[in-house]
Amino acid sequence: MTDLDALKILKSVLTEEAQAITSMQERLTDQQAKNLVSLFREIRDQDAQLIFCGVGKSGHIGTKLSATFSSLGLRSQFLHPTEALHGDLGRVGPRDAIVVISKSGTTEEIIKLLPFLDIPREKRVGLLGNVKSPLAESVGIPLDCSVAKEACLNNQAPTTSTTVAMAMGDAMAVLFEACVGLSKEGFAVNHPGGWLGKQLRMKVKDIMRPLEQCPVANDNQILKDVILAMTKLPVGGCAILNQKKLVGIIVEGDIRRTFAKDSKGVDSPVKEVMTANPLLIKADSLAVEALEIMETKGKSIGVLPVVDAQGVFLGMVTLHDLVREGFTR
C-alpha cells in the first residue's frame, strides 16, 4: 500500500460516515422531534433518569451518551441487558425512560430484557439500524440509524453504524439542552474540576489582586508618584483614580514612552501620561472573559483593572495571574 492509498482510505471513511449522517438527518420527522421533546420534559418534571442499553460497540456508544446526558444535568446511566437480568434491573424505576441501541434491531439480549422492564412503550427510544425489526416494534420512538454499508473494507467492523448512532444520540442531548434551557452556569454545576470547570465557574473576583495590593494614584499627581507606587507594589500597572472611580491606567510601557520623548520626565502630570478610559472588567465576570479581553483586542494587555457597576476601582487581574491558574490560549 502506498502513501497515496493510505490517504485515500482515510478520506473515504470520513466521506462515507459524513454522508451517512446527512442521510439520517433527512429521515427524521417533525413528529419524532415532538415526541422526544415531550419525553424529555416528562423525564425532567418527574425527576426520572434516562437509561441507555446496548451490547458490544453499541454498548460503548450507550455509555458515552449516558455520560453526555449526565453532564447536561439529566440523571442517566448505562444498563447492560445481561447484567440487568441478573440483578441490575433494580437500577430502573417506573418513571424512567430507556434508549436501546442496535444495528440489527434483533439484539437477543435486549429483546429478552424488554418484557421485564417496567417502562411503557412510549418512553422507549430506539437508535436502530433497522426500523422494521422486533426492537422497532417494541419502542415508541424508533429512530432510523440505518447505513448503506460500514466504512470497514470488509463491511464488517462497526464504523459508519456506530458513528451514526453516536451522532443521533448527541443530537438528542442537544435537544434536551434546549428543552430545559440549560445555561453555561447550569452546565458548570456538573463540571467543577479541570480547565472546563475553571472556564465556567472561576470569576475575576476569585483571582484578582484586591485594591490594597495594587498601586494607585490620583489624577492630579505626577509621574514620580506613580513610579514610587509601582515600585512598592509591582503589579505591572497603576490605577489612576478620581474619588475612588477609575479614570485611567499607567503601565510600564507608558513610562518608557514618556521618557523617550521630550517631556517633563518624572514631573509629567499623570493626566498626560495615563491611558484614559482603559479596557476594564467587572468583578463578577468570568475569568476567561478577562483573558479574551487581554489577548483579543489587537494587542496583548498585561494588566486589566477591575471595577464595580459604578466604576469604583476594586483591583487588578494580570495575565500572569490567569496563566498561573491555567488560563492560556
C-alpha atoms as a PDB file:
ATOM      1  CA  MET A   1       0.000   0.000   0.000  1.00  0.00           C
ATOM      2  CA  THR A   2       1.391   3.409  -0.974  1.00  0.00           C
ATOM      3  CA  ASP A   3       1.103   6.642   0.986  1.00  0.00           C
ATOM      4  CA  LEU A   4      -1.422   7.828  -1.591  1.00  0.00           C
ATOM      5  CA  ASP A   5      -3.571   4.756  -0.972  1.00  0.00           C
ATOM      6  CA  ALA A   6      -3.453   5.393   2.776  1.00  0.00           C
ATOM      7  CA  LEU A   7      -4.641   8.962   2.332  1.00  0.00           C
ATOM      8  CA  LYS A   8      -7.409   7.776   0.028  1.00  0.00           C
ATOM      9  CA  ILE A   9      -8.661   5.316   2.659  1.00  0.00           C
ATOM     10  CA  LEU A  10      -8.715   7.950   5.402  1.00  0.00           C
ATOM     11  CA  LYS A  11     -10.665  10.412   3.260  1.00  0.00           C
ATOM     12  CA  SER A  12     -13.028   7.701   2.036  1.00  0.00           C
ATOM     13  CA  VAL A  13     -14.023   6.693   5.565  1.00  0.00           C
ATOM     14  CA  LEU A  14     -14.681  10.277   6.593  1.00  0.00           C
ATOM     15  CA  THR A  15     -16.740  10.894   3.458  1.00  0.00           C
ATOM     16  CA  GLU A  16     -18.832   7.759   3.916  1.00  0.00           C
ATOM     17  CA  GLU A  17     -19.577   8.497   7.551  1.00  0.00           C
ATOM     18  CA  ALA A  18     -20.424  12.134   6.851  1.00  0.00           C
ATOM     19  CA  GLN A  19     -22.814  11.102   4.092  1.00  0.00           C
ATOM     20  CA  ALA A  20     -24.457   8.565   6.389  1.00  0.00           C
ATOM     21  CA  ILE A  21     -25.132  11.247   8.999  1.00  0.00           C
ATOM     22  CA  THR A  22     -26.602  13.535   6.348  1.00  0.00           C
ATOM     23  CA  SER A  23     -28.870  10.748   5.130  1.00  0.00           C
ATOM     24  CA  MET A  24     -30.100  10.077   8.669  1.00  0.00           C
ATOM     25  CA  GLN A  25     -30.919  13.757   9.066  1.00  0.00           C
ATOM     26  CA  GLU A  26     -33.225  13.551   6.060  1.00  0.00           C
ATOM     27  CA  ARG A  27     -35.144  10.636   7.608  1.00  0.00           C
ATOM     28  CA  LEU A  28     -36.040  12.484  10.797  1.00  0.00           C
ATOM     29  CA  THR A  29     -39.651  13.658  11.109  1.00  0.00           C
ATOM     30  CA  ASP A  30     -41.327  16.528  12.891  1.00  0.00           C
ATOM     31  CA  GLN A  31     -43.409  14.050  14.913  1.00  0.00           C
ATOM     32  CA  GLN A  32     -40.287  12.274  16.182  1.00  0.00           C
ATOM     33  CA  ALA A  33     -38.837  15.585  17.318  1.00  0.00           C
ATOM     34  CA  LYS A  34     -42.066  16.480  19.131  1.00  0.00           C
ATOM     35  CA  ASN A  35     -42.174  13.065  20.796  1.00  0.00           C
ATOM     36  CA  LEU A  36     -38.615  13.477  22.051  1.00  0.00           C
ATOM     37  CA  VAL A  37     -39.383  16.927  23.424  1.00  0.00           C
ATOM     38  CA  SER A  38     -42.396  15.555  25.299  1.00  0.00           C
ATOM     39  CA  LEU A  39     -40.331  12.681  26.642  1.00  0.00           C
ATOM     40  CA  PHE A  40     -37.513  14.934  27.857  1.00  0.00           C
ATOM     41  CA  ARG A  41     -39.935  17.268  29.602  1.00  0.00           C
ATOM     42  CA  GLU A  42     -41.674  14.354  31.280  1.00  0.00           C
ATOM     43  CA  ILE A  43     -38.355  12.937  32.499  1.00  0.00           C
ATOM     44  CA  ARG A  44     -37.376  16.330  33.866  1.00  0.00           C
ATOM     45  CA  ASP A  45     -40.711  17.014  35.536  1.00  0.00           C
ATOM     46  CA  GLN A  46     -40.751  13.588  37.179  1.00  0.00           C
ATOM     47  CA  ASP A  47     -37.096  13.746  38.214  1.00  0.00           C
ATOM     48  CA  ALA A  48     -36.577  10.461  36.386  1.00  0.00           C
ATOM     49  CA  GLN A  49     -33.493   9.148  34.616  1.00  0.00           C
ATOM     50  CA  LEU A  50     -32.616   8.180  31.067  1.00  0.00           C
ATOM     51  CA  ILE A  51     -31.257   4.656  30.664  1.00  0.00           C
ATOM     52  CA  PHE A  52     -29.081   3.559  27.747  1.00  0.00           C
ATOM     53  CA  CYS A  53     -28.854  -0.086  26.745  1.00  0.00           C
ATOM     54  CA  GLY A  54     -26.776  -1.898  24.136  1.00  0.00           C
ATOM     55  CA  VAL A  55     -24.354  -4.758  23.566  1.00  0.00           C
ATOM     56  CA  GLY A  56     -20.803  -4.668  22.194  1.00  0.00           C
ATOM     57  CA  LYS A  57     -19.888  -1.493  20.336  1.00  0.00           C
ATOM     58  CA  SER A  58     -23.464  -0.262  20.763  1.00  0.00           C
ATOM     59  CA  GLY A  59     -22.943  -0.625  24.491  1.00  0.00           C
ATOM     60  CA  HIS A  60     -19.868   1.599  24.330  1.00  0.00           C
ATOM     61  CA  ILE A  61     -21.917   4.190  22.448  1.00  0.00           C
ATOM     62  CA  GLY A  62     -24.583   3.958  25.154  1.00  0.00           C
ATOM     63  CA  THR A  63     -22.006   4.531  27.874  1.00  0.00           C
ATOM     64  CA  LYS A  64     -20.746   7.662  26.146  1.00  0.00           C
ATOM     65  CA  LEU A  65     -24.245   9.048  25.533  1.00  0.00           C
ATOM     66  CA  SER A  66     -25.226   8.398  29.131  1.00  0.00           C
ATOM     67  CA  ALA A  67     -22.202  10.404  30.243  1.00  0.00           C
ATOM     68  CA  THR A  68     -23.171  13.231  27.890  1.00  0.00           C
ATOM     69  CA  PHE A  69     -26.706  13.470  29.280  1.00  0.00           C
ATOM     70  CA  SER A  70     -25.353  13.336  32.832  1.00  0.00           C
ATOM     71  CA  SER A  71     -23.063  16.266  32.036  1.00  0.00           C
ATOM     72  CA  LEU A  72     -26.146  18.225  30.956  1.00  0.00           C
ATOM     73  CA  GLY A  73     -27.799  17.653  34.313  1.00  0.00           C
ATOM     74  CA  LEU A  74     -30.066  14.696  33.491  1.00  0.00           C
ATOM     75  CA  ARG A  75     -29.570  11.630  35.651  1.00  0.00           C
ATOM     76  CA  SER A  76     -28.513   8.877  33.294  1.00  0.00           C
ATOM     77  CA  GLN A  77     -26.758   5.515  33.362  1.00  0.00           C
ATOM     78  CA  PHE A  78     -25.840   2.625  31.111  1.00  0.00           C
ATOM     79  CA  LEU A  79     -27.622  -0.688  31.684  1.00  0.00           C
ATOM     80  CA  HIS A  80     -26.104  -3.860  30.273  1.00  0.00           C
ATOM     81  CA  PRO A  81     -29.008  -6.129  29.280  1.00  0.00           C
ATOM     82  CA  THR A  82     -27.386  -9.314  30.565  1.00  0.00           C
ATOM     83  CA  GLU A  83     -26.448  -7.799  33.908  1.00  0.00           C
ATOM     84  CA  ALA A  84     -29.957  -6.361  34.140  1.00  0.00           C
ATOM     85  CA  LEU A  85     -31.422  -9.862  34.060  1.00  0.00           C
ATOM     86  CA  HIS A  86     -29.141 -10.778  36.940  1.00  0.00           C
ATOM     87  CA  GLY A  87     -29.991  -8.025  39.393  1.00  0.00           C
ATOM     88  CA  ASP A  88     -29.274  -4.658  37.776  1.00  0.00           C
ATOM     89  CA  LEU A  89     -32.962  -4.154  36.991  1.00  0.00           C
ATOM     90  CA  GLY A  90     -33.070  -2.653  40.459  1.00  0.00           C
ATOM     91  CA  ARG A  91     -31.453   0.440  38.998  1.00  0.00           C
ATOM     92  CA  VAL A  92     -34.500   1.167  36.852  1.00  0.00           C
ATOM     93  CA  GLY A  93     -37.632   2.876  38.132  1.00  0.00           C
ATOM     94  CA  PRO A  94     -41.154   3.039  36.639  1.00  0.00           C
ATOM     95  CA  ARG A  95     -40.794   6.739  35.779  1.00  0.00           C
ATOM     96  CA  ASP A  96     -37.531   6.243  33.848  1.00  0.00           C
ATOM     97  CA  ALA A  97     -37.104   6.160  30.073  1.00  0.00           C
ATOM     98  CA  ILE A  98     -34.758   3.967  28.054  1.00  0.00           C
ATOM     99  CA  VAL A  99     -32.812   4.252  24.808  1.00  0.00           C
ATOM    100  CA  VAL A 100     -31.909   0.933  23.177  1.00  0.00           C
ATOM    101  CA  ILE A 101     -29.122   0.845  20.591  1.00  0.00           C
ATOM    102  CA  SER A 102     -28.934  -1.915  17.993  1.00  0.00           C
ATOM    103  CA  LYS A 103     -27.758  -2.040  14.408  1.00  0.00           C
ATOM    104  CA  SER A 104     -29.792  -5.120  13.530  1.00  0.00           C
ATOM    105  CA  GLY A 105     -32.815  -4.374  15.674  1.00  0.00           C
ATOM    106  CA  THR A 106     -32.725  -8.013  16.727  1.00  0.00           C
ATOM    107  CA  THR A 107     -30.188  -7.940  19.569  1.00  0.00           C
ATOM    108  CA  GLU A 108     -31.201 -11.011  21.539  1.00  0.00           C
ATOM    109  CA  GLU A 109     -30.066  -9.745  24.942  1.00  0.00           C
ATOM    110  CA  ILE A 110     -32.195  -6.597  24.666  1.00  0.00           C
ATOM    111  CA  ILE A 111     -35.245  -8.482  23.367  1.00  0.00           C
ATOM    112  CA  LYS A 112     -35.050 -10.802  26.386  1.00  0.00           C
ATOM    113  CA  LEU A 113     -34.845  -7.815  28.729  1.00  0.00           C
ATOM    114  CA  LEU A 114     -37.784  -5.740  27.460  1.00  0.00           C
ATOM    115  CA  PRO A 115     -40.616  -7.852  28.967  1.00  0.00           C
ATOM    116  CA  PHE A 116     -39.125  -7.298  32.417  1.00  0.00           C
ATOM    117  CA  LEU A 117     -38.712  -3.526  32.084  1.00  0.00           C
ATOM    118  CA  ASP A 118     -41.373  -1.545  33.929  1.00  0.00           C
ATOM    119  CA  ILE A 119     -41.123   1.196  31.310  1.00  0.00           C
ATOM    120  CA  PRO A 120     -44.074   1.844  28.952  1.00  0.00           C
ATOM    121  CA  ARG A 121     -43.552   1.657  25.196  1.00  0.00           C
ATOM    122  CA  GLU A 122     -43.959   5.412  24.696  1.00  0.00           C
ATOM    123  CA  LYS A 123     -40.959   6.026  26.970  1.00  0.00           C
ATOM    124  CA  ARG A 124     -38.696   3.754  24.950  1.00  0.00           C
ATOM    125  CA  VAL A 125     -36.453   5.177  22.234  1.00  0.00           C
ATOM    126  CA  GLY A 126     -34.565   3.112  19.676  1.00  0.00           C
ATOM    127  CA  LEU A 127     -31.377   4.055  17.838  1.00  0.00           C
ATOM    128  CA  LEU A 128     -31.825   1.306  15.281  1.00  0.00           C
ATOM    129  CA  GLY A 129     -30.198   0.241  12.058  1.00  0.00           C
ATOM    130  CA  ASN A 130     -33.438  -1.493  11.045  1.00  0.00           C
ATOM    131  CA  VAL A 131     -36.782   0.173  11.716  1.00  0.00           C
ATOM    132  CA  LYS A 132     -38.649  -2.919  10.542  1.00  0.00           C
ATOM    133  CA  SER A 133     -37.437  -5.162  13.316  1.00  0.00           C
ATOM    134  CA  PRO A 134     -38.612  -6.611  16.643  1.00  0.00           C
ATOM    135  CA  LEU A 135     -36.942  -3.821  18.607  1.00  0.00           C
ATOM    136  CA  ALA A 136     -38.501  -1.158  16.386  1.00  0.00           C
ATOM    137  CA  GLU A 137     -41.930  -2.586  17.217  1.00  0.00           C
ATOM    138  CA  SER A 138     -41.121  -2.542  20.932  1.00  0.00           C
ATOM    139  CA  VAL A 139     -40.246   1.154  21.223  1.00  0.00           C
ATOM    140  CA  GLY A 140     -42.408   4.245  20.961  1.00  0.00           C
ATOM    141  CA  ILE A 141     -39.805   6.398  19.199  1.00  0.00           C
ATOM    142  CA  PRO A 142     -37.810   4.362  16.658  1.00  0.00           C
ATOM    143  CA  LEU A 143     -35.081   6.491  15.073  1.00  0.00           C
ATOM    144  CA  ASP A 144     -33.706   5.281  11.772  1.00  0.00           C
ATOM    145  CA  CYS A 145     -29.925   4.962  12.118  1.00  0.00           C
ATOM    146  CA  SER A 146     -29.511   2.616   9.178  1.00  0.00           C
ATOM    147  CA  VAL A 147     -26.438   2.794   6.938  1.00  0.00           C
ATOM    148  CA  ALA A 148     -25.847   1.524   3.409  1.00  0.00           C
ATOM    149  CA  LYS A 149     -22.602  -0.139   4.479  1.00  0.00           C
ATOM    150  CA  GLU A 150     -19.841   0.026   7.035  1.00  0.00           C
ATOM    151  CA  ALA A 151     -16.749   2.022   6.197  1.00  0.00           C
ATOM    152  CA  CYS A 152     -14.755  -1.085   7.104  1.00  0.00           C
ATOM    153  CA  LEU A 153     -13.127  -2.543   3.980  1.00  0.00           C
ATOM    154  CA  ASN A 154     -14.858  -5.875   4.641  1.00  0.00           C
ATOM    155  CA  ASN A 155     -18.161  -4.228   5.598  1.00  0.00           C
ATOM    156  CA  GLN A 156     -17.935  -5.945   8.985  1.00  0.00           C
ATOM    157  CA  ALA A 157     -16.478  -3.816  11.779  1.00  0.00           C
ATOM    158  CA  PRO A 158     -18.938  -1.305  13.274  1.00  0.00           C
ATOM    159  CA  THR A 159     -17.727   2.014  11.913  1.00  0.00           C
ATOM    160  CA  THR A 160     -20.326   4.001   9.999  1.00  0.00           C
ATOM    161  CA  SER A 161     -23.159   2.499  12.057  1.00  0.00           C
ATOM    162  CA  THR A 162     -21.618   3.462  15.393  1.00  0.00           C
ATOM    163  CA  THR A 163     -20.830   6.965  14.115  1.00  0.00           C
ATOM    164  CA  VAL A 164     -24.445   7.443  13.065  1.00  0.00           C
ATOM    165  CA  ALA A 165     -25.786   6.172  16.394  1.00  0.00           C
ATOM    166  CA  MET A 166     -23.402   8.430  18.273  1.00  0.00           C
ATOM    167  CA  ALA A 167     -24.386  11.457  16.201  1.00  0.00           C
ATOM    168  CA  MET A 168     -28.087  10.814  16.722  1.00  0.00           C
ATOM    169  CA  GLY A 169     -27.540  10.460  20.455  1.00  0.00           C
ATOM    170  CA  ASP A 170     -25.612  13.733  20.503  1.00  0.00           C
ATOM    171  CA  ALA A 171     -28.459  15.412  18.614  1.00  0.00           C
ATOM    172  CA  MET A 172     -30.877  14.145  21.266  1.00  0.00           C
ATOM    173  CA  ALA A 173     -28.630  15.530  24.007  1.00  0.00           C
ATOM    174  CA  VAL A 174     -28.550  18.992  22.441  1.00  0.00           C
ATOM    175  CA  LEU A 175     -32.332  18.862  22.036  1.00  0.00           C
ATOM    176  CA  PHE A 176     -32.628  18.084  25.748  1.00  0.00           C
ATOM    177  CA  GLU A 177     -30.311  21.005  26.495  1.00  0.00           C
ATOM    178  CA  ALA A 178     -32.642  23.290  24.531  1.00  0.00           C
ATOM    179  CA  CYS A 179     -35.755  21.849  26.198  1.00  0.00           C
ATOM    180  CA  VAL A 180     -34.558  22.653  29.700  1.00  0.00           C
ATOM    181  CA  GLY A 181     -32.901  25.936  28.722  1.00  0.00           C
ATOM    182  CA  LEU A 182     -29.544  24.927  30.171  1.00  0.00           C
ATOM    183  CA  SER A 183     -27.255  27.916  30.707  1.00  0.00           C
ATOM    184  CA  LYS A 184     -23.469  27.994  30.888  1.00  0.00           C
ATOM    185  CA  GLU A 185     -23.804  28.424  34.636  1.00  0.00           C
ATOM    186  CA  GLY A 186     -26.071  25.399  34.863  1.00  0.00           C
ATOM    187  CA  PHE A 187     -23.641  23.356  32.793  1.00  0.00           C
ATOM    188  CA  ALA A 188     -20.816  24.407  35.087  1.00  0.00           C
ATOM    189  CA  VAL A 189     -22.557  22.860  38.110  1.00  0.00           C
ATOM    190  CA  ASN A 190     -21.662  19.414  36.787  1.00  0.00           C
ATOM    191  CA  HIS A 191     -18.145  20.399  35.681  1.00  0.00           C
ATOM    192  CA  PRO A 192     -16.415  21.880  38.740  1.00  0.00           C
ATOM    193  CA  GLY A 193     -12.958  20.483  38.019  1.00  0.00           C
ATOM    194  CA  GLY A 194     -10.218  20.992  35.477  1.00  0.00           C
ATOM    195  CA  TRP A 195      -9.937  23.577  32.733  1.00  0.00           C
ATOM    196  CA  LEU A 196     -13.601  23.320  31.776  1.00  0.00           C
ATOM    197  CA  GLY A 197     -14.685  23.949  35.348  1.00  0.00           C
ATOM    198  CA  LYS A 198     -12.449  26.980  35.647  1.00  0.00           C
ATOM    199  CA  GLN A 199     -13.736  28.379  32.378  1.00  0.00           C
ATOM    200  CA  LEU A 200     -17.328  28.135  33.512  1.00  0.00           C
ATOM    201  CA  ARG A 201     -17.066  28.850  37.230  1.00  0.00           C
ATOM    202  CA  MET A 202     -14.000  30.911  38.183  1.00  0.00           C
ATOM    203  CA  LYS A 203     -14.744  34.611  38.252  1.00  0.00           C
ATOM    204  CA  VAL A 204     -12.478  37.627  38.144  1.00  0.00           C
ATOM    205  CA  LYS A 205     -13.078  38.307  41.848  1.00  0.00           C
ATOM    206  CA  ASP A 206     -11.668  34.846  42.630  1.00  0.00           C
ATOM    207  CA  ILE A 207      -8.334  35.600  41.013  1.00  0.00           C
ATOM    208  CA  MET A 208      -7.845  39.375  41.014  1.00  0.00           C
ATOM    209  CA  ARG A 209      -5.448  41.322  43.201  1.00  0.00           C
ATOM    210  CA  PRO A 210      -7.520  43.445  45.615  1.00  0.00           C
ATOM    211  CA  LEU A 211      -7.244  47.213  45.937  1.00  0.00           C
ATOM    212  CA  GLU A 212      -4.777  47.102  48.823  1.00  0.00           C
ATOM    213  CA  GLN A 213      -2.331  45.069  46.719  1.00  0.00           C
ATOM    214  CA  CYS A 214      -2.468  47.418  43.726  1.00  0.00           C
ATOM    215  CA  PRO A 215      -0.604  50.681  43.079  1.00  0.00           C
ATOM    216  CA  VAL A 216      -2.965  53.652  42.789  1.00  0.00           C
ATOM    217  CA  ALA A 217      -2.590  57.383  42.226  1.00  0.00           C
ATOM    218  CA  ASN A 218      -4.889  60.356  41.858  1.00  0.00           C
ATOM    219  CA  ASP A 219      -5.288  62.108  38.530  1.00  0.00           C
ATOM    220  CA  ASN A 220      -3.811  65.321  39.993  1.00  0.00           C
ATOM    221  CA  GLN A 221      -0.452  63.726  40.876  1.00  0.00           C
ATOM    222  CA  ILE A 222       2.729  63.468  38.830  1.00  0.00           C
ATOM    223  CA  LEU A 223       4.534  60.542  37.232  1.00  0.00           C
ATOM    224  CA  LYS A 224       7.049  60.352  40.091  1.00  0.00           C
ATOM    225  CA  ASP A 225       4.221  59.361  42.455  1.00  0.00           C
ATOM    226  CA  VAL A 226       3.145  56.625  40.060  1.00  0.00           C
ATOM    227  CA  ILE A 227       6.671  55.209  39.777  1.00  0.00           C
ATOM    228  CA  LEU A 228       7.025  55.083  43.566  1.00  0.00           C
ATOM    229  CA  ALA A 229       3.657  53.329  43.903  1.00  0.00           C
ATOM    230  CA  MET A 230       4.534  50.801  41.183  1.00  0.00           C
ATOM    231  CA  THR A 231       7.914  50.143  42.795  1.00  0.00           C
ATOM    232  CA  LYS A 232       6.270  49.393  46.115  1.00  0.00           C
ATOM    233  CA  LEU A 233       3.600  47.165  44.567  1.00  0.00           C
ATOM    234  CA  PRO A 234       4.989  45.749  41.280  1.00  0.00           C
ATOM    235  CA  VAL A 235       1.808  44.607  39.572  1.00  0.00           C
ATOM    236  CA  GLY A 236       2.629  45.998  36.141  1.00  0.00           C
ATOM    237  CA  GLY A 237       0.269  48.946  36.162  1.00  0.00           C
ATOM    238  CA  CYS A 238      -1.067  51.772  38.287  1.00  0.00           C
ATOM    239  CA  ALA A 239      -4.745  52.655  38.570  1.00  0.00           C
ATOM    240  CA  ILE A 240      -5.495  56.356  38.246  1.00  0.00           C
ATOM    241  CA  LEU A 241      -8.467  57.378  40.369  1.00  0.00           C
ATOM    242  CA  ASN A 242     -10.724  60.339  40.861  1.00  0.00           C
ATOM    243  CA  GLN A 243     -12.747  59.978  44.071  1.00  0.00           C
ATOM    244  CA  LYS A 244     -12.315  56.194  44.016  1.00  0.00           C
ATOM    245  CA  LYS A 245     -13.532  55.891  40.418  1.00  0.00           C
ATOM    246  CA  LEU A 246     -11.152  54.625  37.745  1.00  0.00           C
ATOM    247  CA  VAL A 247     -10.340  57.306  35.175  1.00  0.00           C
ATOM    248  CA  GLY A 248      -7.197  55.826  33.636  1.00  0.00           C
ATOM    249  CA  ILE A 249      -4.247  53.494  33.928  1.00  0.00           C
ATOM    250  CA  ILE A 250      -0.480  53.803  33.553  1.00  0.00           C
ATOM    251  CA  VAL A 251       1.593  50.763  32.651  1.00  0.00           C
ATOM    252  CA  GLU A 252       5.343  50.340  32.323  1.00  0.00           C
ATOM    253  CA  GLY A 253       5.230  50.982  28.591  1.00  0.00           C
ATOM    254  CA  ASP A 254       3.622  54.389  29.189  1.00  0.00           C
ATOM    255  CA  ILE A 255       6.515  55.350  31.471  1.00  0.00           C
ATOM    256  CA  ARG A 256       9.139  54.304  28.921  1.00  0.00           C
ATOM    257  CA  ARG A 257       7.409  56.247  26.158  1.00  0.00           C
ATOM    258  CA  THR A 258       7.232  59.342  28.374  1.00  0.00           C
ATOM    259  CA  PHE A 259      10.980  59.298  28.984  1.00  0.00           C
ATOM    260  CA  ALA A 260      11.686  58.591  25.306  1.00  0.00           C
ATOM    261  CA  LYS A 261      10.117  61.822  24.162  1.00  0.00           C
ATOM    262  CA  ASP A 262      10.804  65.440  25.078  1.00  0.00           C
ATOM    263  CA  SER A 263       8.761  65.851  28.243  1.00  0.00           C
ATOM    264  CA  LYS A 264       8.896  66.797  31.894  1.00  0.00           C
ATOM    265  CA  GLY A 265      10.011  63.289  32.843  1.00  0.00           C
ATOM    266  CA  VAL A 266       9.083  62.318  36.388  1.00  0.00           C
ATOM    267  CA  ASP A 267       7.340  65.661  36.795  1.00  0.00           C
ATOM    268  CA  SER A 268       4.901  64.901  33.972  1.00  0.00           C
ATOM    269  CA  PRO A 269       1.269  65.246  35.075  1.00  0.00           C
ATOM    270  CA  VAL A 270      -0.452  61.906  35.420  1.00  0.00           C
ATOM    271  CA  LYS A 271      -3.241  63.069  33.109  1.00  0.00           C
ATOM    272  CA  GLU A 272      -0.712  63.496  30.277  1.00  0.00           C
ATOM    273  CA  VAL A 273       0.750  60.007  30.705  1.00  0.00           C
ATOM    274  CA  MET A 274      -2.221  57.807  31.555  1.00  0.00           C
ATOM    275  CA  THR A 275      -4.467  55.938  29.161  1.00  0.00           C
ATOM    276  CA  ALA A 276      -7.910  57.369  29.787  1.00  0.00           C
ATOM    277  CA  ASN A 277     -10.986  55.129  29.609  1.00  0.00           C
ATOM    278  CA  PRO A 278      -8.943  51.916  29.544  1.00  0.00           C
ATOM    279  CA  LEU A 279     -10.260  48.445  28.933  1.00  0.00           C
ATOM    280  CA  LEU A 280     -11.650  47.042  32.168  1.00  0.00           C
ATOM    281  CA  ILE A 281     -13.759  44.229  33.568  1.00  0.00           C
ATOM    282  CA  LYS A 282     -16.338  43.673  36.305  1.00  0.00           C
ATOM    283  CA  ALA A 283     -15.538  41.557  39.347  1.00  0.00           C
ATOM    284  CA  ASP A 284     -18.421  39.153  38.682  1.00  0.00           C
ATOM    285  CA  SER A 285     -17.292  38.444  35.123  1.00  0.00           C
ATOM    286  CA  LEU A 286     -15.814  35.060  34.295  1.00  0.00           C
ATOM    287  CA  ALA A 287     -12.031  34.906  34.457  1.00  0.00           C
ATOM    288  CA  VAL A 288     -11.921  33.518  30.930  1.00  0.00           C
ATOM    289  CA  GLU A 289     -13.572  36.749  29.743  1.00  0.00           C
ATOM    290  CA  ALA A 290     -10.644  38.682  31.194  1.00  0.00           C
ATOM    291  CA  LEU A 291      -8.284  36.523  29.148  1.00  0.00           C
ATOM    292  CA  GLU A 292     -10.309  37.201  25.999  1.00  0.00           C
ATOM    293  CA  ILE A 293     -10.112  40.954  26.580  1.00  0.00           C
ATOM    294  CA  MET A 294      -6.400  40.866  27.310  1.00  0.00           C
ATOM    295  CA  GLU A 295      -5.450  38.801  24.270  1.00  0.00           C
ATOM    296  CA  THR A 296      -8.005  39.559  21.559  1.00  0.00           C
ATOM    297  CA  LYS A 297      -8.153  43.342  21.420  1.00  0.00           C
ATOM    298  CA  GLY A 298      -5.420  43.792  18.851  1.00  0.00           C
ATOM    299  CA  LYS A 299      -2.532  43.731  21.301  1.00  0.00           C
ATOM    300  CA  SER A 300      -1.553  41.832  24.413  1.00  0.00           C
ATOM    301  CA  ILE A 301      -2.513  43.545  27.676  1.00  0.00           C
ATOM    302  CA  GLY A 302      -0.644  42.546  30.807  1.00  0.00           C
ATOM    303  CA  VAL A 303      -2.940  44.052  33.424  1.00  0.00           C
ATOM    304  CA  LEU A 304      -6.683  44.720  33.485  1.00  0.00           C
ATOM    305  CA  PRO A 305      -8.450  46.992  36.012  1.00  0.00           C
ATOM    306  CA  VAL A 306     -11.457  45.564  37.863  1.00  0.00           C
ATOM    307  CA  VAL A 307     -14.393  47.830  38.751  1.00  0.00           C
ATOM    308  CA  ASP A 308     -17.891  47.554  40.168  1.00  0.00           C
ATOM    309  CA  ALA A 309     -21.107  48.616  38.448  1.00  0.00           C
ATOM    310  CA  GLN A 310     -20.493  52.279  39.412  1.00  0.00           C
ATOM    311  CA  GLY A 311     -16.935  52.296  38.065  1.00  0.00           C
ATOM    312  CA  VAL A 312     -15.312  52.205  41.503  1.00  0.00           C
ATOM    313  CA  PHE A 313     -11.863  50.606  41.317  1.00  0.00           C
ATOM    314  CA  LEU A 314     -11.691  47.237  43.106  1.00  0.00           C
ATOM    315  CA  GLY A 315      -8.391  45.751  41.989  1.00  0.00           C
ATOM    316  CA  MET A 316      -6.497  44.305  39.054  1.00  0.00           C
ATOM    317  CA  VAL A 317      -6.180  40.995  37.272  1.00  0.00           C
ATOM    318  CA  THR A 318      -2.923  40.278  35.481  1.00  0.00           C
ATOM    319  CA  LEU A 319      -2.075  37.955  32.644  1.00  0.00           C
ATOM    320  CA  HIS A 320       0.369  36.252  34.998  1.00  0.00           C
ATOM    321  CA  ASP A 321      -2.479  35.545  37.445  1.00  0.00           C
ATOM    322  CA  LEU A 322      -4.520  33.939  34.673  1.00  0.00           C
ATOM    323  CA  VAL A 323      -1.654  31.826  33.381  1.00  0.00           C
ATOM    324  CA  ARG A 324      -0.916  30.631  36.908  1.00  0.00           C
ATOM    325  CA  GLU A 325      -4.483  29.338  37.134  1.00  0.00           C
ATOM    326  CA  GLY A 326      -4.192  27.546  33.805  1.00  0.00           C
ATOM    327  CA  PHE A 327      -5.905  30.090  31.560  1.00  0.00           C
ATOM    328  CA  THR A 328      -3.948  30.059  28.317  1.00  0.00           C
ATOM    329  CA  ARG A 329      -4.706  30.152  24.618  1.00  0.00           C
END
